[in-house]
Amino acid sequence: MHHLTDVGVWEKLKGAGIEQWIKEKKEAGKIRNIGFSYHGN
């Protein structure tokens, strides 16, 4: 997840269904490892 600056940005992604989306992509083998890049405190 590119350039997270705040927990609110992550919450916005969760609202767009990112957790289920990641689950499906990992199960399909399209994403092997999931992470985030961060700029914030």
PDB file of all heavy atoms in Angstrom:
ATOM      1  N   MET A   1       0.884  -1.153   0.000  1.00  0.00           N
ATOM      2  CA  MET A   1       0.000   0.000   0.000  1.00  0.00           C
ATOM      3  C   MET A   1       0.932   1.216   0.000  1.00  0.00           C
ATOM      4  O   MET A   1       1.692   1.409   0.956  1.00  0.00           O
ATOM      5  CB  MET A   1      -0.894   0.029   1.242  1.00  0.00           C
ATOM      6  CG  MET A   1      -1.675  -1.258   1.518  1.00  0.00           C
ATOM      7  SD  MET A   1      -2.917  -1.640   0.271  1.00  0.00           S
ATOM      8  CE  MET A   1      -2.064  -2.929  -0.685  1.00  0.00           C
ATOM      9  N   HIS A   2       0.896   2.013  -1.036  1.00  0.00           N
ATOM     10  CA  HIS A   2       1.902   3.048  -1.227  1.00  0.00           C
ATOM     11  C   HIS A   2       1.614   4.301  -0.398  1.00  0.00           C
ATOM     12  O   HIS A   2       0.515   4.824  -0.407  1.00  0.00           O
ATOM     13  CB  HIS A   2       1.972   3.435  -2.711  1.00  0.00           C
ATOM     14  CG  HIS A   2       3.210   4.198  -3.072  1.00  0.00           C
ATOM     15  ND1 HIS A   2       3.361   4.835  -4.281  1.00  0.00           N
ATOM     16  CD2 HIS A   2       4.367   4.431  -2.402  1.00  0.00           C
ATOM     17  CE1 HIS A   2       4.541   5.412  -4.337  1.00  0.00           C
ATOM     18  NE2 HIS A   2       5.169   5.180  -3.190  1.00  0.00           N
ATOM     19  N   HIS A   3       2.649   4.752   0.310  1.00  0.00           N
ATOM     20  CA  HIS A   3       2.657   6.067   0.935  1.00  0.00           C
ATOM     21  C   HIS A   3       1.509   6.263   1.939  1.00  0.00           C
ATOM     22  O   HIS A   3       0.743   7.221   1.848  1.00  0.00           O
ATOM     23  CB  HIS A   3       2.587   7.150  -0.152  1.00  0.00           C
ATOM     24  CG  HIS A   3       3.120   8.481   0.295  1.00  0.00           C
ATOM     25  ND1 HIS A   3       2.445   9.297   1.159  1.00  0.00           N
ATOM     26  CD2 HIS A   3       4.259   9.130  -0.017  1.00  0.00           C
ATOM     27  CE1 HIS A   3       3.138  10.406   1.371  1.00  0.00           C
ATOM     28  NE2 HIS A   3       4.261  10.317   0.665  1.00  0.00           N
ATOM     29  N   LEU A   4       1.401   5.361   2.900  1.00  0.00           N
ATOM     30  CA  LEU A   4       0.469   5.603   4.004  1.00  0.00           C
ATOM     31  C   LEU A   4       1.103   6.648   4.917  1.00  0.00           C
ATOM     32  O   LEU A   4       2.295   6.582   5.226  1.00  0.00           O
ATOM     33  CB  LEU A   4       0.201   4.316   4.786  1.00  0.00           C
ATOM     34  CG  LEU A   4      -0.432   3.139   4.024  1.00  0.00           C
ATOM     35  CD1 LEU A   4      -0.848   2.041   4.992  1.00  0.00           C
ATOM     36  CD2 LEU A   4      -1.618   3.582   3.189  1.00  0.00           C
ATOM     37  N   THR A   5       0.319   7.616   5.336  1.00  0.00           N
ATOM     38  CA  THR A   5       0.832   8.685   6.196  1.00  0.00           C
ATOM     39  C   THR A   5       0.157   8.706   7.559  1.00  0.00           C
ATOM     40  O   THR A   5       0.604   9.397   8.460  1.00  0.00           O
ATOM     41  CB  THR A   5       0.602  10.060   5.532  1.00  0.00           C
ATOM     42  OG1 THR A   5      -0.803  10.205   5.264  1.00  0.00           O
ATOM     43  CG2 THR A   5       1.387  10.186   4.246  1.00  0.00           C
ATOM     44  N   ASP A   6      -0.919   7.919   7.675  1.00  0.00           N
ATOM     45  CA  ASP A   6      -1.767   8.060   8.848  1.00  0.00           C
ATOM     46  C   ASP A   6      -2.691   6.857   8.903  1.00  0.00           C
ATOM     47  O   ASP A   6      -3.029   6.279   7.868  1.00  0.00           O
ATOM     48  CB  ASP A   6      -2.568   9.366   8.692  1.00  0.00           C
ATOM     49  CG  ASP A   6      -3.487   9.639   9.847  1.00  0.00           C
ATOM     50  OD1 ASP A   6      -4.597   9.082   9.857  1.00  0.00           O
ATOM     51  OD2 ASP A   6      -3.115  10.410  10.736  1.00  0.00           O
ATOM     52  N   VAL A   7      -3.117   6.485  10.076  1.00  0.00           N
ATOM     53  CA  VAL A   7      -4.024   5.349  10.200  1.00  0.00           C
ATOM     54  C   VAL A   7      -5.338   5.607   9.450  1.00  0.00           C
ATOM     55  O   VAL A   7      -5.993   4.690   8.980  1.00  0.00           O
ATOM     56  CB  VAL A   7      -4.285   5.022  11.690  1.00  0.00           C
ATOM     57  CG1 VAL A   7      -5.133   6.087  12.355  1.00  0.00           C
ATOM     58  CG2 VAL A   7      -4.917   3.643  11.841  1.00  0.00           C
ATOM     59  N   GLY A   8      -5.708   6.889   9.297  1.00  0.00           N
ATOM     60  CA  GLY A   8      -6.932   7.231   8.575  1.00  0.00           C
ATOM     61  C   GLY A   8      -6.884   6.843   7.104  1.00  0.00           C
ATOM     62  O   GLY A   8      -7.906   6.489   6.514  1.00  0.00           O
ATOM     63  N   VAL A   9      -5.696   6.899   6.501  1.00  0.00           N
ATOM     64  CA  VAL A   9      -5.549   6.502   5.103  1.00  0.00           C
ATOM     65  C   VAL A   9      -5.783   4.996   4.971  1.00  0.00           C
ATOM     66  O   VAL A   9      -6.428   4.524   4.026  1.00  0.00           O
ATOM     67  CB  VAL A   9      -4.147   6.883   4.566  1.00  0.00           C
ATOM     68  CG1 VAL A   9      -3.992   6.453   3.120  1.00  0.00           C
ATOM     69  CG2 VAL A   9      -3.909   8.386   4.703  1.00  0.00           C
ATOM     70  N   TRP A  10      -5.267   4.239   5.925  1.00  0.00           N
ATOM     71  CA  TRP A  10      -5.490   2.798   5.938  1.00  0.00           C
ATOM     72  C   TRP A  10      -6.976   2.493   6.156  1.00  0.00           C
ATOM     73  O   TRP A  10      -7.529   1.598   5.526  1.00  0.00           O
ATOM     74  CB  TRP A  10      -4.619   2.155   7.008  1.00  0.00           C
ATOM     75  CG  TRP A  10      -4.923   0.719   7.308  1.00  0.00           C
ATOM     76  CD1 TRP A  10      -5.274   0.178   8.501  1.00  0.00           C
ATOM     77  CD2 TRP A  10      -4.907  -0.382   6.375  1.00  0.00           C
ATOM     78  NE1 TRP A  10      -5.478  -1.172   8.401  1.00  0.00           N
ATOM     79  CE2 TRP A  10      -5.257  -1.556   7.104  1.00  0.00           C
ATOM     80  CE3 TRP A  10      -4.628  -0.506   5.021  1.00  0.00           C
ATOM     81  CZ2 TRP A  10      -5.346  -2.811   6.512  1.00  0.00           C
ATOM     82  CZ3 TRP A  10      -4.720  -1.766   4.424  1.00  0.00           C
ATOM     83  CH2 TRP A  10      -5.067  -2.888   5.153  1.00  0.00           C
ATOM     84  N   GLU A  11      -7.639   3.244   7.021  1.00  0.00           N
ATOM     85  CA  GLU A  11      -9.071   3.044   7.262  1.00  0.00           C
ATOM     86  C   GLU A  11      -9.870   3.313   5.984  1.00  0.00           C
ATOM     87  O   GLU A  11     -10.859   2.634   5.700  1.00  0.00           O
ATOM     88  CB  GLU A  11      -9.554   3.960   8.388  1.00  0.00           C
ATOM     89  CG  GLU A  11      -9.036   3.597   9.768  1.00  0.00           C
ATOM     90  CD  GLU A  11      -9.568   2.263  10.271  1.00  0.00           C
ATOM     91  OE1 GLU A  11     -10.632   1.814   9.782  1.00  0.00           O
ATOM     92  OE2 GLU A  11      -8.907   1.650  11.133  1.00  0.00           O
ATOM     93  N   LYS A  12      -9.436   4.285   5.200  1.00  0.00           N
ATOM     94  CA  LYS A  12     -10.107   4.585   3.929  1.00  0.00           C
ATOM     95  C   LYS A  12     -10.020   3.386   2.994  1.00  0.00           C
ATOM     96  O   LYS A  12     -10.997   3.008   2.340  1.00  0.00           O
ATOM     97  CB  LYS A  12      -9.458   5.809   3.270  1.00  0.00           C
ATOM     98  CG  LYS A  12     -10.131   6.258   1.973  1.00  0.00           C
ATOM     99  CD  LYS A  12      -9.268   7.200   1.161  1.00  0.00           C
ATOM    100  CE  LYS A  12      -8.223   6.436   0.385  1.00  0.00           C
ATOM    101  NZ  LYS A  12      -7.493   7.270  -0.603  1.00  0.00           N
ATOM    102  N   LEU A  13      -8.848   2.762   2.940  1.00  0.00           N
ATOM    103  CA  LEU A  13      -8.678   1.574   2.109  1.00  0.00           C
ATOM    104  C   LEU A  13      -9.529   0.412   2.615  1.00  0.00           C
ATOM    105  O   LEU A  13     -10.103  -0.343   1.830  1.00  0.00           O
ATOM    106  CB  LEU A  13      -7.206   1.164   2.086  1.00  0.00           C
ATOM    107  CG  LEU A  13      -6.299   1.962   1.141  1.00  0.00           C
ATOM    108  CD1 LEU A  13      -4.839   1.604   1.387  1.00  0.00           C
ATOM    109  CD2 LEU A  13      -6.667   1.707  -0.310  1.00  0.00           C
ATOM    110  N   LYS A  14      -9.607   0.277   3.907  1.00  0.00           N
ATOM    111  CA  LYS A  14     -10.453  -0.780   4.469  1.00  0.00           C
ATOM    112  C   LYS A  14     -11.904  -0.561   4.063  1.00  0.00           C
ATOM    113  O   LYS A  14     -12.641  -1.516   3.764  1.00  0.00           O
ATOM    114  CB  LYS A  14     -10.317  -0.810   5.994  1.00  0.00           C
ATOM    115  CG  LYS A  14      -8.985  -1.391   6.457  1.00  0.00           C
ATOM    116  CD  LYS A  14      -8.716  -1.120   7.929  1.00  0.00           C
ATOM    117  CE  LYS A  14      -9.668  -1.872   8.826  1.00  0.00           C
ATOM    118  NZ  LYS A  14      -9.323  -1.679  10.265  1.00  0.00           N
ATOM    119  N   GLY A  15     -12.314   0.709   4.024  1.00  0.00           N
ATOM    120  CA  GLY A  15     -13.677   1.034   3.596  1.00  0.00           C
ATOM    121  C   GLY A  15     -13.929   0.678   2.150  1.00  0.00           C
ATOM    122  O   GLY A  15     -15.077   0.436   1.738  1.00  0.00           O
ATOM    123  N   ALA A  16     -12.861   0.623   1.342  1.00  0.00           N
ATOM    124  CA  ALA A  16     -12.988   0.254  -0.077  1.00  0.00           C
ATOM    125  C   ALA A  16     -12.883  -1.258  -0.275  1.00  0.00           C
ATOM    126  O   ALA A  16     -12.868  -1.737  -1.414  1.00  0.00           O
ATOM    127  CB  ALA A  16     -11.919   0.962  -0.898  1.00  0.00           C
ATOM    128  N   GLY A  17     -12.789  -2.003   0.828  1.00  0.00           N
ATOM    129  CA  GLY A  17     -12.755  -3.460   0.734  1.00  0.00           C
ATOM    130  C   GLY A  17     -11.386  -4.069   0.541  1.00  0.00           C
ATOM    131  O   GLY A  17     -11.266  -5.191   0.040  1.00  0.00           O
ATOM    132  N   ILE A  18     -10.338  -3.356   0.974  1.00  0.00           N
ATOM    133  CA  ILE A  18      -8.979  -3.819   0.690  1.00  0.00           C
ATOM    134  C   ILE A  18      -8.657  -5.153   1.354  1.00  0.00           C
ATOM    135  O   ILE A  18      -7.946  -5.992   0.779  1.00  0.00           O
ATOM    136  CB  ILE A  18      -7.945  -2.745   1.123  1.00  0.00           C
ATOM    137  CG1 ILE A  18      -6.543  -3.097   0.605  1.00  0.00           C
ATOM    138  CG2 ILE A  18      -7.915  -2.575   2.643  1.00  0.00           C
ATOM    139  CD1 ILE A  18      -6.373  -2.985  -0.870  1.00  0.00           C
ATOM    140  N   GLU A  19      -9.182  -5.418   2.543  1.00  0.00           N
ATOM    141  CA  GLU A  19      -8.831  -6.655   3.246  1.00  0.00           C
ATOM    142  C   GLU A  19      -9.331  -7.891   2.496  1.00  0.00           C
ATOM    143  O   GLU A  19      -8.591  -8.871   2.332  1.00  0.00           O
ATOM    144  CB  GLU A  19      -9.389  -6.623   4.667  1.00  0.00           C
ATOM    145  CG  GLU A  19      -8.683  -5.583   5.542  1.00  0.00           C
ATOM    146  CD  GLU A  19      -9.381  -5.389   6.872  1.00  0.00           C
ATOM    147  OE1 GLU A  19     -10.541  -4.915   6.872  1.00  0.00           O
ATOM    148  OE2 GLU A  19      -8.775  -5.698   7.910  1.00  0.00           O
ATOM    149  N   GLN A  20     -10.569  -7.849   2.027  1.00  0.00           N
ATOM    150  CA  GLN A  20     -11.106  -8.974   1.254  1.00  0.00           C
ATOM    151  C   GLN A  20     -10.377  -9.094  -0.075  1.00  0.00           C
ATOM    152  O   GLN A  20     -10.099 -10.197  -0.554  1.00  0.00           O
ATOM    153  CB  GLN A  20     -12.615  -8.787   1.023  1.00  0.00           C
ATOM    154  CG  GLN A  20     -13.289  -9.900   0.225  1.00  0.00           C
ATOM    155  CD  GLN A  20     -13.200 -11.265   0.901  1.00  0.00           C
ATOM    156  OE1 GLN A  20     -13.132 -11.351   2.129  1.00  0.00           O
ATOM    157  NE2 GLN A  20     -13.187 -12.333   0.104  1.00  0.00           N
ATOM    158  N   TRP A  21     -10.058  -7.961  -0.680  1.00  0.00           N
ATOM    159  CA  TRP A  21      -9.345  -7.941  -1.962  1.00  0.00           C
ATOM    160  C   TRP A  21      -7.967  -8.599  -1.821  1.00  0.00           C
ATOM    161  O   TRP A  21      -7.563  -9.422  -2.653  1.00  0.00           O
ATOM    162  CB  TRP A  21      -9.206  -6.495  -2.439  1.00  0.00           C
ATOM    163  CG  TRP A  21      -8.563  -6.334  -3.775  1.00  0.00           C
ATOM    164  CD1 TRP A  21      -9.161  -6.416  -5.004  1.00  0.00           C
ATOM    165  CD2 TRP A  21      -7.172  -6.057  -4.037  1.00  0.00           C
ATOM    166  NE1 TRP A  21      -8.244  -6.202  -5.999  1.00  0.00           N
ATOM    167  CE2 TRP A  21      -7.014  -5.980  -5.442  1.00  0.00           C
ATOM    168  CE3 TRP A  21      -6.067  -5.858  -3.227  1.00  0.00           C
ATOM    169  CZ2 TRP A  21      -5.789  -5.716  -6.045  1.00  0.00           C
ATOM    170  CZ3 TRP A  21      -4.831  -5.611  -3.819  1.00  0.00           C
ATOM    171  CH2 TRP A  21      -4.713  -5.540  -5.211  1.00  0.00           C
ATOM    172  N   ILE A  22      -7.245  -8.255  -0.761  1.00  0.00           N
ATOM    173  CA  ILE A  22      -5.937  -8.862  -0.519  1.00  0.00           C
ATOM    174  C   ILE A  22      -6.078 -10.373  -0.343  1.00  0.00           C
ATOM    175  O   ILE A  22      -5.302 -11.160  -0.900  1.00  0.00           O
ATOM    176  CB  ILE A  22      -5.265  -8.244   0.731  1.00  0.00           C
ATOM    177  CG1 ILE A  22      -4.885  -6.775   0.471  1.00  0.00           C
ATOM    178  CG2 ILE A  22      -4.031  -9.046   1.132  1.00  0.00           C
ATOM    179  CD1 ILE A  22      -4.455  -6.031   1.719  1.00  0.00           C
ATOM    180  N   LYS A  23      -7.068 -10.776   0.440  1.00  0.00           N
ATOM    181  CA  LYS A  23      -7.304 -12.202   0.701  1.00  0.00           C
ATOM    182  C   LYS A  23      -7.505 -12.966  -0.607  1.00  0.00           C
ATOM    183  O   LYS A  23      -6.913 -14.033  -0.827  1.00  0.00           O
ATOM    184  CB  LYS A  23      -8.521 -12.361   1.602  1.00  0.00           C
ATOM    185  CG  LYS A  23      -8.854 -13.794   2.002  1.00  0.00           C
ATOM    186  CD  LYS A  23     -10.010 -13.801   3.004  1.00  0.00           C
ATOM    187  CE  LYS A  23     -10.337 -15.224   3.465  1.00  0.00           C
ATOM    188  NZ  LYS A  23     -10.936 -16.037   2.410  1.00  0.00           N
ATOM    189  N   GLU A  24      -8.318 -12.405  -1.489  1.00  0.00           N
ATOM    190  CA  GLU A  24      -8.599 -13.062  -2.768  1.00  0.00           C
ATOM    191  C   GLU A  24      -7.350 -13.134  -3.639  1.00  0.00           C
ATOM    192  O   GLU A  24      -7.086 -14.154  -4.282  1.00  0.00           O
ATOM    193  CB  GLU A  24      -9.720 -12.307  -3.497  1.00  0.00           C
ATOM    194  CG  GLU A  24     -11.081 -12.430  -2.810  1.00  0.00           C
ATOM    195  CD  GLU A  24     -12.125 -11.524  -3.421  1.00  0.00           C
ATOM    196  OE1 GLU A  24     -11.781 -10.754  -4.362  1.00  0.00           O
ATOM    197  OE2 GLU A  24     -13.281 -11.555  -2.953  1.00  0.00           O
ATOM    198  N   LYS A  25      -6.583 -12.053  -3.666  1.00  0.00           N
ATOM    199  CA  LYS A  25      -5.381 -12.027  -4.506  1.00  0.00           C
ATOM    200  C   LYS A  25      -4.316 -12.987  -3.970  1.00  0.00           C
ATOM    201  O   LYS A  25      -3.606 -13.640  -4.743  1.00  0.00           O
ATOM    202  CB  LYS A  25      -4.817 -10.599  -4.594  1.00  0.00           C
ATOM    203  CG  LYS A  25      -5.703  -9.649  -5.401  1.00  0.00           C
ATOM    204  CD  LYS A  25      -5.728 -10.039  -6.857  1.00  0.00           C
ATOM    205  CE  LYS A  25      -6.605  -9.143  -7.700  1.00  0.00           C
ATOM    206  NZ  LYS A  25      -8.041  -9.374  -7.510  1.00  0.00           N
ATOM    207  N   LYS A  26      -4.206 -13.102  -2.672  1.00  0.00           N
ATOM    208  CA  LYS A  26      -3.230 -14.029  -2.101  1.00  0.00           C
ATOM    209  C   LYS A  26      -3.646 -15.476  -2.348  1.00  0.00           C
ATOM    210  O   LYS A  26      -2.813 -16.326  -2.679  1.00  0.00           O
ATOM    211  CB  LYS A  26      -3.038 -13.758  -0.607  1.00  0.00           C
ATOM    212  CG  LYS A  26      -2.350 -12.417  -0.318  1.00  0.00           C
ATOM    213  CD  LYS A  26      -2.011 -12.237   1.142  1.00  0.00           C
ATOM    214  CE  LYS A  26      -0.727 -12.943   1.502  1.00  0.00           C
ATOM    215  NZ  LYS A  26      -0.232 -12.591   2.848  1.00  0.00           N
ATOM    216  N   GLU A  27      -4.924 -15.735  -2.202  1.00  0.00           N
ATOM    217  CA  GLU A  27      -5.417 -17.095  -2.447  1.00  0.00           C
ATOM    218  C   GLU A  27      -5.239 -17.498  -3.910  1.00  0.00           C
ATOM    219  O   GLU A  27      -5.006 -18.672  -4.216  1.00  0.00           O
ATOM    220  CB  GLU A  27      -6.889 -17.202  -2.050  1.00  0.00           C
ATOM    221  CG  GLU A  27      -7.112 -17.192  -0.539  1.00  0.00           C
ATOM    222  CD  GLU A  27      -8.581 -17.202  -0.166  1.00  0.00           C
ATOM    223  OE1 GLU A  27      -9.435 -17.022  -1.073  1.00  0.00           O
ATOM    224  OE2 GLU A  27      -8.891 -17.381   1.034  1.00  0.00           O
ATOM    225  N   ALA A  28      -5.340 -16.515  -4.811  1.00  0.00           N
ATOM    226  CA  ALA A  28      -5.164 -16.791  -6.244  1.00  0.00           C
ATOM    227  C   ALA A  28      -3.692 -16.817  -6.651  1.00  0.00           C
ATOM    228  O   ALA A  28      -3.372 -17.097  -7.813  1.00  0.00           O
ATOM    229  CB  ALA A  28      -5.905 -15.731  -7.056  1.00  0.00           C
ATOM    230  N   GLY A  29      -2.803 -16.517  -5.728  1.00  0.00           N
ATOM    231  CA  GLY A  29      -1.375 -16.528  -6.022  1.00  0.00           C
ATOM    232  C   GLY A  29      -0.881 -15.297  -6.753  1.00  0.00           C
ATOM    233  O   GLY A  29       0.256 -15.267  -7.233  1.00  0.00           O
ATOM    234  N   LYS A  30      -1.714 -14.268  -6.843  1.00  0.00           N
ATOM    235  CA  LYS A  30      -1.308 -13.055  -7.568  1.00  0.00           C
ATOM    236  C   LYS A  30      -0.483 -12.105  -6.701  1.00  0.00           C
ATOM    237  O   LYS A  30       0.266 -11.278  -7.222  1.00  0.00           O
ATOM    238  CB  LYS A  30      -2.541 -12.334  -8.113  1.00  0.00           C
ATOM    239  CG  LYS A  30      -3.218 -13.080  -9.250  1.00  0.00           C
ATOM    240  CD  LYS A  30      -4.236 -12.195  -9.953  1.00  0.00           C
ATOM    241  CE  LYS A  30      -4.731 -12.833 -11.243  1.00  0.00           C
ATOM    242  NZ  LYS A  30      -5.606 -11.924 -12.010  1.00  0.00           N
ATOM    243  N   ILE A  31      -0.656 -12.210  -5.392  1.00  0.00           N
ATOM    244  CA  ILE A  31       0.158 -11.456  -4.447  1.00  0.00           C
ATOM    245  C   ILE A  31       0.725 -12.453  -3.455  1.00  0.00           C
ATOM    246  O   ILE A  31      -0.018 -13.223  -2.834  1.00  0.00           O
ATOM    247  CB  ILE A  31      -0.661 -10.380  -3.702  1.00  0.00           C
ATOM    248  CG1 ILE A  31      -1.111  -9.276  -4.666  1.00  0.00           C
ATOM    249  CG2 ILE A  31       0.164  -9.776  -2.563  1.00  0.00           C
ATOM    250  CD1 ILE A  31      -2.023  -8.244  -4.021  1.00  0.00           C
ATOM    251  N   ARG A  32       2.038 -12.450  -3.294  1.00  0.00           N
ATOM    252  CA  ARG A  32       2.667 -13.431  -2.402  1.00  0.00           C
ATOM    253  C   ARG A  32       2.949 -12.864  -1.013  1.00  0.00           C
ATOM    254  O   ARG A  32       2.944 -13.603  -0.026  1.00  0.00           O
ATOM    255  CB  ARG A  32       3.939 -13.964  -3.050  1.00  0.00           C
ATOM    256  CG  ARG A  32       3.627 -14.685  -4.362  1.00  0.00           C
ATOM    257  CD  ARG A  32       4.801 -15.430  -4.939  1.00  0.00           C
ATOM    258  NE  ARG A  32       4.386 -16.237  -6.081  1.00  0.00           N
ATOM    259  CZ  ARG A  32       5.203 -16.986  -6.808  1.00  0.00           C
ATOM    260  NH1 ARG A  32       6.491 -17.030  -6.513  1.00  0.00           N
ATOM    261  NH2 ARG A  32       4.740 -17.693  -7.827  1.00  0.00           N
ATOM    262  N   ASN A  33       3.217 -11.574  -0.941  1.00  0.00           N
ATOM    263  CA  ASN A  33       3.448 -10.912   0.344  1.00  0.00           C
ATOM    264  C   ASN A  33       2.816  -9.527   0.297  1.00  0.00           C
ATOM    265  O   ASN A  33       2.946  -8.821  -0.708  1.00  0.00           O
ATOM    266  CB  ASN A  33       4.945 -10.770   0.631  1.00  0.00           C
ATOM    267  CG  ASN A  33       5.646 -12.099   0.787  1.00  0.00           C
ATOM    268  OD1 ASN A  33       5.685 -12.679   1.868  1.00  0.00           O
ATOM    269  ND2 ASN A  33       6.204 -12.601  -0.313  1.00  0.00           N
ATOM    270  N   ILE A  34       2.161  -9.141   1.368  1.00  0.00           N
ATOM    271  CA  ILE A  34       1.491  -7.828   1.400  1.00  0.00           C
ATOM    272  C   ILE A  34       2.130  -6.939   2.472  1.00  0.00           C
ATOM    273  O   ILE A  34       2.458  -7.413   3.570  1.00  0.00           O
ATOM    274  CB  ILE A  34      -0.030  -7.992   1.654  1.00  0.00           C
ATOM    275  CG1 ILE A  34      -0.773  -6.700   1.299  1.00  0.00           C
ATOM    276  CG2 ILE A  34      -0.327  -8.418   3.083  1.00  0.00           C
ATOM    277  CD1 ILE A  34      -0.856  -6.437  -0.180  1.00  0.00           C
ATOM    278  N   GLY A  35       2.320  -5.686   2.118  1.00  0.00           N
ATOM    279  CA  GLY A  35       2.941  -4.755   3.054  1.00  0.00           C
ATOM    280  C   GLY A  35       2.483  -3.337   2.794  1.00  0.00           C
ATOM    281  O   GLY A  35       1.531  -3.098   2.050  1.00  0.00           O
ATOM    282  N   PHE A  36       3.183  -2.394   3.398  1.00  0.00           N
ATOM    283  CA  PHE A  36       2.855  -0.981   3.194  1.00  0.00           C
ATOM    284  C   PHE A  36       4.121  -0.145   3.318  1.00  0.00           C
ATOM    285  O   PHE A  36       5.050  -0.509   4.032  1.00  0.00           O
ATOM    286  CB  PHE A  36       1.795  -0.507   4.202  1.00  0.00           C
ATOM    287  CG  PHE A  36       2.243  -0.502   5.644  1.00  0.00           C
ATOM    288  CD1 PHE A  36       2.656   0.677   6.258  1.00  0.00           C
ATOM    289  CD2 PHE A  36       2.240  -1.669   6.392  1.00  0.00           C
ATOM    290  CE1 PHE A  36       3.059   0.684   7.586  1.00  0.00           C
ATOM    291  CE2 PHE A  36       2.638  -1.675   7.722  1.00  0.00           C
ATOM    292  CZ  PHE A  36       3.050  -0.493   8.325  1.00  0.00           C
ATOM    293  N   SER A  37       4.165   0.942   2.553  1.00  0.00           N
ATOM    294  CA  SER A  37       5.247   1.905   2.712  1.00  0.00           C
ATOM    295  C   SER A  37       4.691   3.090   3.479  1.00  0.00           C
ATOM    296  O   SER A  37       3.516   3.445   3.333  1.00  0.00           O
ATOM    297  CB  SER A  37       5.816   2.345   1.362  1.00  0.00           C
ATOM    298  OG  SER A  37       4.877   3.104   0.626  1.00  0.00           O
ATOM    299  N   TYR A  38       5.549   3.710   4.293  1.00  0.00           N
ATOM    300  CA  TYR A  38       5.019   4.644   5.289  1.00  0.00           C
ATOM    301  C   TYR A  38       5.833   5.928   5.378  1.00  0.00           C
ATOM    302  O   TYR A  38       7.066   5.911   5.390  1.00  0.00           O
ATOM    303  CB  TYR A  38       5.005   3.957   6.662  1.00  0.00           C
ATOM    304  CG  TYR A  38       4.402   4.807   7.747  1.00  0.00           C
ATOM    305  CD1 TYR A  38       3.026   4.942   7.866  1.00  0.00           C
ATOM    306  CD2 TYR A  38       5.213   5.499   8.643  1.00  0.00           C
ATOM    307  CE1 TYR A  38       2.473   5.733   8.863  1.00  0.00           C
ATOM    308  CE2 TYR A  38       4.667   6.294   9.629  1.00  0.00           C
ATOM    309  CZ  TYR A  38       3.297   6.404   9.737  1.00  0.00           C
ATOM    310  OH  TYR A  38       2.747   7.198  10.710  1.00  0.00           O
ATOM    311  N   HIS A  39       5.104   7.048   5.466  1.00  0.00           N
ATOM    312  CA  HIS A  39       5.678   8.356   5.779  1.00  0.00           C
ATOM    313  C   HIS A  39       4.748   9.015   6.790  1.00  0.00           C
ATOM    314  O   HIS A  39       3.638   9.424   6.449  1.00  0.00           O
ATOM    315  CB  HIS A  39       5.772   9.234   4.532  1.00  0.00           C
ATOM    316  CG  HIS A  39       6.826   8.819   3.560  1.00  0.00           C
ATOM    317  ND1 HIS A  39       8.166   9.067   3.749  1.00  0.00           N
ATOM    318  CD2 HIS A  39       6.734   8.142   2.397  1.00  0.00           C
ATOM    319  CE1 HIS A  39       8.851   8.585   2.729  1.00  0.00           C
ATOM    320  NE2 HIS A  39       8.007   8.020   1.891  1.00  0.00           N
ATOM    321  N   GLY A  40       5.188   9.114   8.012  1.00  0.00           N
ATOM    322  CA  GLY A  40       4.369   9.694   9.068  1.00  0.00           C
ATOM    323  C   GLY A  40       5.106   9.512  10.373  1.00  0.00           C
ATOM    324  O   GLY A  40       6.292   9.193  10.386  1.00  0.00           O
ATOM    325  N   ASN A  41       4.427   9.703  11.506  1.00  0.00           N
ATOM    326  CA  ASN A  41       5.130   9.550  12.772  1.00  0.00           C
ATOM    327  C   ASN A  41       5.064   8.113  13.281  1.00  0.00           C
ATOM    328  O   ASN A  41       4.317   7.281  12.769  1.00  0.00           O
ATOM    329  CB  ASN A  41       4.593  10.540  13.814  1.00  0.00           C
ATOM    330  CG  ASN A  41       3.123  10.320  14.135  1.00  0.00           C
ATOM    331  OD1 ASN A  41       2.643   9.199  14.206  1.00  0.00           O
ATOM    332  ND2 ASN A  41       2.396  11.406  14.336  1.00  0.00           N
TER     333      ASN A  41
END
